[in-house]
Amino acid sequence: MRARIAASVVLAVGIVLGTAGCNLIAPQATLTKYDASDGVSGSVGDIDVRNAILISDNGKTGNLVVTLVNNGSKPHRVQVQHGTSKKVDEFITVEPGQVKKVGADNKSQVQLTGMDTKAGALYPVYFQYGSETGLRLLVPVLTNGLPEYKTYTSTPTPSD
C-alpha cells in the first residue's frame, strides 16, 4: 500500500515538473523590448525617444514624427541633429512629465532638409540634451502612402 502511494506521489511530481519545466528554460517573450510600430525608440537620460519615423515623399525633405517623454523632474531642451554631410540642429523643450508629440501637426514639425535618401532607407538622427550621452538612431524613411501617414508630409517652409 505504501509503495503504491509513494509511486503515485513520484508520478504526480514527475508530471508537474515535466509540464512546468518549459517555463524554466524557455525565454519569456513579454520581457523582450521591441518597437511595436514602424519607428525606432531609445532613451537619453530622462528622455525617452519613442517611435521615431521620417516621412518624406521626395527624399530631399522630410518631417520627423516622434514622441518625446520626459521622465525627470526638470525641463530638458533636447537637441535633434540630422544631416549626413552638413549637420543641422533643431531644439525641442520637453517639460517634466510631458509626453510631447512632434511632427503630427503643422505647429510642431522638425523639418529635415538637404536629405539624399529614398523611402525604405534608414536616416541617422541624433538626440541629446545637457551633458547626457547622446543617442544616434537610424530612423526609417517612409512616404505618406499609408492612410495613417497621409497628414504627416512636411509643410514647405515659406521662402523670403
Protein backbone atom coordinates (compact mmCIF):
# COMPACT_ATOMS: atom_id res chain seq x y z
CA MET A 1 0.00 0.00 0.00
CA ARG A 2 2.81 2.40 0.92
CA ALA A 3 4.63 1.54 -2.26
CA ARG A 4 1.53 2.41 -4.29
CA ILE A 5 1.17 5.81 -2.54
CA ALA A 6 4.87 6.54 -2.96
CA ALA A 7 4.70 5.62 -6.64
CA SER A 8 1.65 7.86 -7.10
CA VAL A 9 3.41 10.79 -5.42
CA VAL A 10 6.54 10.29 -7.54
CA LEU A 11 4.44 10.06 -10.68
CA ALA A 12 2.47 13.22 -9.77
CA VAL A 13 5.68 15.16 -9.04
CA GLY A 14 7.17 13.95 -12.32
CA ILE A 15 4.12 15.09 -14.28
CA VAL A 16 4.10 18.52 -12.56
CA LEU A 17 7.80 19.07 -13.17
CA GLY A 18 7.61 17.76 -16.71
CA THR A 19 4.78 20.05 -17.72
CA ALA A 20 6.07 23.10 -15.83
CA GLY A 21 9.66 22.61 -16.93
CA CYS A 22 9.11 24.50 -20.18
CA ASN A 23 8.69 27.74 -18.24
CA LEU A 24 12.02 27.23 -16.55
CA ILE A 25 14.12 27.10 -19.72
CA ALA A 26 12.09 28.92 -22.38
CA PRO A 27 12.67 32.67 -22.77
CA GLN A 28 9.69 34.83 -21.83
CA ALA A 29 8.62 36.95 -24.80
CA THR A 30 6.94 39.53 -22.57
CA LEU A 31 10.35 40.57 -21.21
CA THR A 32 11.75 41.40 -24.65
CA LYS A 33 11.61 45.09 -25.59
CA TYR A 34 10.70 45.82 -29.18
CA ASP A 35 9.30 48.63 -31.34
CA ALA A 36 5.65 47.85 -31.86
CA SER A 37 5.22 50.19 -34.83
CA ASP A 38 7.18 51.37 -37.87
CA GLY A 39 9.52 53.62 -35.88
CA VAL A 40 12.53 53.15 -33.62
CA SER A 41 12.95 54.04 -29.95
CA GLY A 42 15.62 54.69 -27.35
CA SER A 43 16.47 56.67 -24.22
CA VAL A 44 18.76 59.58 -23.36
CA GLY A 45 18.89 60.14 -19.60
CA ASP A 46 15.39 61.19 -18.50
CA ILE A 47 14.13 61.47 -22.09
CA ASP A 48 12.51 58.53 -23.87
CA VAL A 49 12.50 58.79 -27.66
CA ARG A 50 9.56 56.76 -28.94
CA ASN A 51 8.50 55.61 -32.40
CA ALA A 52 10.72 57.95 -34.46
CA ILE A 53 9.92 57.87 -38.18
CA LEU A 54 10.71 60.21 -41.06
CA ILE A 55 8.03 60.98 -43.64
CA SER A 56 9.47 62.06 -47.00
CA ASP A 57 7.86 61.90 -50.40
CA ASN A 58 10.82 63.16 -52.43
CA GLY A 59 13.87 62.01 -50.44
CA LYS A 60 15.10 65.63 -50.16
CA THR A 61 12.92 67.00 -47.33
CA GLY A 62 11.16 65.17 -44.55
CA ASN A 63 9.08 65.51 -41.42
CA LEU A 64 10.40 63.86 -38.26
CA VAL A 65 7.50 62.25 -36.39
CA VAL A 66 8.49 61.27 -32.83
CA THR A 67 7.18 61.24 -29.28
CA LEU A 68 9.48 62.56 -26.54
CA VAL A 69 8.72 61.65 -22.92
CA ASN A 70 10.38 63.49 -20.02
CA ASN A 71 10.56 61.12 -17.04
CA GLY A 72 12.53 63.62 -14.95
CA SER A 73 11.61 66.49 -12.64
CA LYS A 74 13.24 69.26 -14.72
CA PRO A 75 12.53 70.58 -18.23
CA HIS A 76 15.03 69.47 -20.86
CA ARG A 77 15.99 71.15 -24.14
CA VAL A 78 16.53 68.22 -26.47
CA GLN A 79 18.87 68.70 -29.41
CA VAL A 80 17.84 66.86 -32.57
CA GLN A 81 20.72 66.74 -35.05
CA HIS A 82 20.43 65.44 -38.59
CA GLY A 83 22.27 65.54 -41.87
CA THR A 84 24.95 63.42 -43.42
CA SER A 85 27.48 65.97 -44.69
CA LYS A 86 26.23 69.22 -43.11
CA LYS A 87 24.81 68.79 -39.60
CA VAL A 88 21.63 70.72 -38.76
CA ASP A 89 20.44 71.23 -35.17
CA GLU A 90 16.85 71.61 -34.00
CA PHE A 91 15.81 72.06 -30.36
CA ILE A 92 12.67 70.84 -28.60
CA THR A 93 11.85 71.68 -24.98
CA VAL A 94 10.11 68.91 -23.05
CA GLU A 95 8.60 69.81 -19.67
CA PRO A 96 8.77 67.43 -16.66
CA GLY A 97 6.30 64.56 -17.03
CA GLN A 98 5.33 65.75 -20.51
CA VAL A 99 4.63 63.45 -23.44
CA LYS A 100 5.43 65.67 -26.44
CA LYS A 101 4.37 64.57 -29.90
CA VAL A 102 6.45 66.16 -32.63
CA GLY A 103 5.62 66.20 -36.33
CA ALA A 104 1.99 65.17 -36.01
CA ASP A 105 0.72 68.68 -36.81
CA ASN A 106 1.99 71.82 -38.55
CA LYS A 107 2.78 73.59 -35.25
CA SER A 108 5.48 71.24 -34.01
CA GLN A 109 7.31 69.94 -37.06
CA VAL A 110 11.03 69.25 -37.29
CA GLN A 111 11.69 69.55 -41.00
CA LEU A 112 14.77 67.87 -42.34
CA THR A 113 16.15 69.48 -45.47
CA GLY A 114 19.08 68.57 -47.68
CA MET A 115 18.45 64.86 -47.34
CA ASP A 116 19.57 62.48 -50.06
CA THR A 117 17.71 59.27 -49.37
CA LYS A 118 14.85 57.10 -50.55
CA ALA A 119 11.77 55.64 -48.92
CA GLY A 120 12.66 52.45 -47.11
CA ALA A 121 16.13 53.67 -46.15
CA LEU A 122 17.41 54.41 -42.65
CA TYR A 123 18.45 58.01 -41.92
CA PRO A 124 20.71 58.92 -38.95
CA VAL A 125 19.17 61.28 -36.38
CA TYR A 126 20.96 62.18 -33.14
CA PHE A 127 19.13 63.05 -29.88
CA GLN A 128 20.92 64.68 -26.92
CA TYR A 129 20.42 67.15 -24.05
CA GLY A 130 22.63 68.76 -21.42
CA SER A 131 25.67 66.67 -20.55
CA GLU A 132 23.91 63.34 -21.20
CA THR A 133 25.47 60.97 -23.70
CA GLY A 134 23.51 61.28 -26.93
CA LEU A 135 21.65 58.64 -28.86
CA ARG A 136 22.05 58.01 -32.60
CA LEU A 137 19.01 56.35 -34.12
CA LEU A 138 18.73 55.04 -37.66
CA VAL A 139 15.23 56.33 -38.37
CA PRO A 140 13.17 54.62 -41.10
CA VAL A 141 12.17 56.84 -44.03
CA LEU A 142 8.56 56.32 -45.13
CA THR A 143 6.20 58.04 -47.56
CA ASN A 144 2.70 59.28 -46.86
CA GLY A 145 1.32 56.42 -48.97
CA LEU A 146 -0.36 54.78 -45.98
CA PRO A 147 -3.58 56.44 -44.79
CA GLU A 148 -2.21 56.86 -41.25
CA TYR A 149 0.72 58.94 -42.59
CA LYS A 150 -1.27 61.00 -45.11
CA THR A 151 -1.21 64.18 -42.96
CA TYR A 152 2.44 63.87 -41.90
CA THR A 153 4.09 65.15 -45.08
CA SER A 154 6.36 68.08 -44.27
CA THR A 155 4.91 71.53 -44.79
CA PRO A 156 7.13 73.64 -47.07
CA THR A 157 8.96 76.49 -45.35
CA PRO A 158 7.87 79.86 -46.80
CA SER A 159 10.64 81.46 -48.85
CA ASP A 160 11.55 85.13 -48.35
